[in-house]
Amino acid sequence: MLHRLLRVTGLLVVVMALAAPLARAQTAAPSPSPEALAVAKELVATIHLADQFKALMPTIMKGLKPAIVQGRSDVDRDYDALTPVLLEGFQARYDELSEAVAIIYANNFTPDDLQALIAFYKSPVGQKFLQKTPVVTQQSLLAGQKFGQSVAADMRQRIIEELRKKGHDL
């Protein structure tokens, strides 16, 4: 139970980490200069942000599945059928994400900084970085999940030990 709770919590943290910058950009960020925004939009296009997010979404959906399905075969089947529909629905909103991220970049970097980033991403090593980013991100999420599971198991054991020291029968 604790393991499942920690896994769900970890996935929610990932989703919130993705959503928090968008919320801040849309509510609290000042409007960037038109020049900075134009260059930031070029950067977002150069890094293929929408493609990166498209590659990441199936991993997120797969990670959420155990917490929602919870071993129920009927829910498992329906979840699998619903996933492509949800992914298609998210696809319609990638422009919204791209716009929000462009505003974030424009508010945090000068137009010259953004031009330098564009130059990097257009370079051979920058292109390789972009090509490898989806795989590295997926592998990083899996590593984080394994780490979270390990920490959860350790925490569970430690909590039980500490509560037993205090006289609780667990």
Protein backbone atom coordinates (compact mmCIF):
# COMPACT_ATOMS: atom_id res chain seq x y z
CA MET A 1 0.00 0.00 0.00
CA LEU A 2 2.76 2.44 0.94
CA HIS A 3 4.67 1.39 -2.17
CA ARG A 4 1.67 2.17 -4.40
CA LEU A 5 1.09 5.48 -2.63
CA LEU A 6 4.70 6.52 -3.11
CA ARG A 7 4.63 5.50 -6.77
CA VAL A 8 1.45 7.52 -7.38
CA THR A 9 2.96 10.43 -5.47
CA GLY A 10 6.11 10.23 -7.60
CA LEU A 11 4.11 10.25 -10.81
CA LEU A 12 2.03 13.17 -9.60
CA VAL A 13 5.24 15.05 -8.80
CA VAL A 14 6.40 14.49 -12.39
CA VAL A 15 3.08 15.68 -13.80
CA MET A 16 3.05 18.69 -11.48
CA ALA A 17 6.64 19.50 -12.40
CA LEU A 18 5.56 19.60 -16.01
CA ALA A 19 2.45 21.63 -15.25
CA ALA A 20 3.87 24.12 -12.73
CA PRO A 21 6.02 26.07 -15.20
CA LEU A 22 3.04 26.36 -17.52
CA ALA A 23 0.82 27.69 -14.77
CA ARG A 24 3.43 30.21 -13.63
CA ALA A 25 4.09 31.33 -17.19
CA GLN A 26 0.43 31.97 -17.80
CA THR A 27 -0.40 33.64 -14.51
CA ALA A 28 2.64 35.38 -13.04
CA ALA A 29 5.15 35.98 -15.80
CA PRO A 30 5.50 39.42 -17.31
CA SER A 31 5.01 39.69 -21.04
CA PRO A 32 8.33 39.24 -22.82
CA SER A 33 9.47 41.62 -25.50
CA PRO A 34 8.22 40.80 -29.00
CA GLU A 35 11.83 40.21 -30.12
CA ALA A 36 12.58 37.81 -27.28
CA LEU A 37 9.31 35.96 -27.84
CA ALA A 38 9.98 35.58 -31.57
CA VAL A 39 13.46 34.15 -30.94
CA ALA A 40 12.10 31.92 -28.15
CA LYS A 41 9.47 30.53 -30.53
CA GLU A 42 12.26 29.78 -33.01
CA LEU A 43 14.14 27.96 -30.25
CA VAL A 44 11.05 25.93 -29.30
CA ALA A 45 10.66 24.95 -32.96
CA THR A 46 14.38 24.14 -33.25
CA ILE A 47 14.33 21.83 -30.23
CA HIS A 48 11.18 20.11 -31.52
CA LEU A 49 9.49 20.58 -28.16
CA ALA A 50 6.16 19.15 -29.29
CA ASP A 51 7.88 16.04 -30.65
CA GLN A 52 9.77 15.59 -27.40
CA PHE A 53 6.57 15.84 -25.40
CA LYS A 54 4.79 13.45 -27.79
CA ALA A 55 7.55 10.92 -27.17
CA LEU A 56 7.27 11.37 -23.40
CA MET A 57 3.47 11.15 -23.05
CA PRO A 58 3.17 7.37 -23.64
CA THR A 59 5.70 6.80 -20.87
CA ILE A 60 3.70 9.04 -18.54
CA MET A 61 0.49 7.22 -19.44
CA LYS A 62 2.18 3.84 -18.88
CA GLY A 63 3.49 5.04 -15.52
CA LEU A 64 0.03 6.16 -14.40
CA LYS A 65 -1.61 2.89 -15.42
CA PRO A 66 -0.79 0.72 -12.36
CA ALA A 67 -2.09 3.35 -9.96
CA ILE A 68 -5.37 3.63 -11.85
CA VAL A 69 -5.87 0.01 -12.91
CA GLN A 70 -4.84 -1.54 -9.57
CA GLY A 71 -4.92 -5.08 -10.95
CA ARG A 72 -8.50 -4.88 -12.26
CA SER A 73 -8.60 -6.56 -15.69
CA ASP A 74 -11.70 -4.68 -16.87
CA VAL A 75 -10.13 -1.32 -16.00
CA ASP A 76 -6.85 -2.48 -17.60
CA ARG A 77 -8.63 -3.22 -20.88
CA ASP A 78 -10.55 0.08 -20.84
CA TYR A 79 -7.41 2.03 -19.91
CA ASP A 80 -5.56 0.53 -22.89
CA ALA A 81 -8.45 1.46 -25.19
CA LEU A 82 -8.64 4.97 -23.76
CA THR A 83 -4.92 5.74 -23.93
CA PRO A 84 -4.73 6.46 -27.71
CA VAL A 85 -7.78 8.73 -27.43
CA LEU A 86 -6.19 10.65 -24.57
CA LEU A 87 -2.86 10.92 -26.39
CA GLU A 88 -4.66 12.27 -29.44
CA GLY A 89 -6.44 14.81 -27.23
CA PHE A 90 -3.11 15.93 -25.77
CA GLN A 91 -1.73 16.31 -29.29
CA ALA A 92 -4.28 19.03 -29.96
CA ARG A 93 -2.80 21.03 -27.09
CA TYR A 94 0.91 20.88 -27.98
CA ASP A 95 0.74 24.35 -29.52
CA GLU A 96 -0.47 25.64 -26.16
CA LEU A 97 2.52 23.99 -24.49
CA SER A 98 4.92 25.38 -27.10
CA GLU A 99 3.58 28.90 -26.60
CA ALA A 100 3.86 28.66 -22.81
CA VAL A 101 7.42 27.33 -22.98
CA ALA A 102 8.40 30.04 -25.47
CA ILE A 103 7.20 32.65 -22.97
CA ILE A 104 9.24 30.95 -20.23
CA TYR A 105 12.39 31.01 -22.37
CA ALA A 106 11.76 34.60 -23.46
CA ASN A 107 11.38 35.69 -19.83
CA ASN A 108 14.55 33.94 -18.70
CA PHE A 109 16.99 34.53 -21.55
CA THR A 110 18.00 37.48 -23.67
CA PRO A 111 17.45 37.32 -27.42
CA ASP A 112 21.24 36.89 -27.81
CA ASP A 113 21.19 33.96 -25.35
CA LEU A 114 18.34 32.38 -27.28
CA GLN A 115 20.19 32.83 -30.59
CA ALA A 116 23.23 31.09 -29.06
CA LEU A 117 21.01 28.20 -27.92
CA ILE A 118 19.53 27.93 -31.40
CA ALA A 119 23.03 27.83 -32.86
CA PHE A 120 23.97 25.06 -30.42
CA TYR A 121 20.89 22.97 -31.21
CA LYS A 122 21.55 23.35 -34.94
CA SER A 123 25.15 22.13 -34.48
CA PRO A 124 25.96 18.42 -34.88
CA VAL A 125 26.27 17.84 -31.12
CA GLY A 126 23.07 19.82 -30.55
CA GLN A 127 21.25 17.68 -33.11
CA LYS A 128 22.57 14.54 -31.42
CA PHE A 129 21.43 15.91 -28.07
CA LEU A 130 17.92 16.49 -29.47
CA GLN A 131 17.88 13.06 -31.07
CA LYS A 132 18.85 11.33 -27.82
CA THR A 133 16.68 13.45 -25.50
CA PRO A 134 13.52 11.28 -25.69
CA VAL A 135 15.47 8.10 -24.91
CA VAL A 136 17.48 9.78 -22.15
CA THR A 137 14.28 11.22 -20.67
CA GLN A 138 12.51 7.85 -20.71
CA GLN A 139 15.53 6.13 -19.18
CA SER A 140 15.76 8.87 -16.55
CA LEU A 141 12.09 8.46 -15.65
CA LEU A 142 12.57 4.71 -15.29
CA ALA A 143 15.68 5.26 -13.16
CA GLY A 144 13.71 7.70 -11.02
CA GLN A 145 10.89 5.20 -10.65
CA LYS A 146 13.29 2.44 -9.60
CA PHE A 147 14.95 4.83 -7.18
CA GLY A 148 11.54 5.81 -5.77
CA GLN A 149 10.61 2.16 -5.31
CA SER A 150 13.88 1.50 -3.51
CA VAL A 151 13.45 4.53 -1.26
CA ALA A 152 9.84 3.54 -0.56
CA ALA A 153 10.91 0.05 0.52
CA ASP A 154 13.65 1.48 2.74
CA MET A 155 11.30 4.07 4.22
CA ARG A 156 8.62 1.45 4.90
CA GLN A 157 11.11 -0.77 6.73
CA ARG A 158 12.53 2.12 8.73
CA ILE A 159 9.09 3.42 9.70
CA ILE A 160 8.08 -0.04 10.89
CA GLU A 161 11.31 -0.40 12.89
CA GLU A 162 10.91 3.02 14.50
CA LEU A 163 7.27 2.40 15.38
CA ARG A 164 8.16 -0.98 16.89
CA LYS A 165 10.79 0.74 19.04
CA LYS A 166 7.97 2.89 20.37
CA GLY A 167 6.01 -0.21 21.33
CA HIS A 168 3.67 -0.54 18.36
CA ASP A 169 2.85 -4.06 17.23
CA LEU A 170 3.28 -4.05 13.48
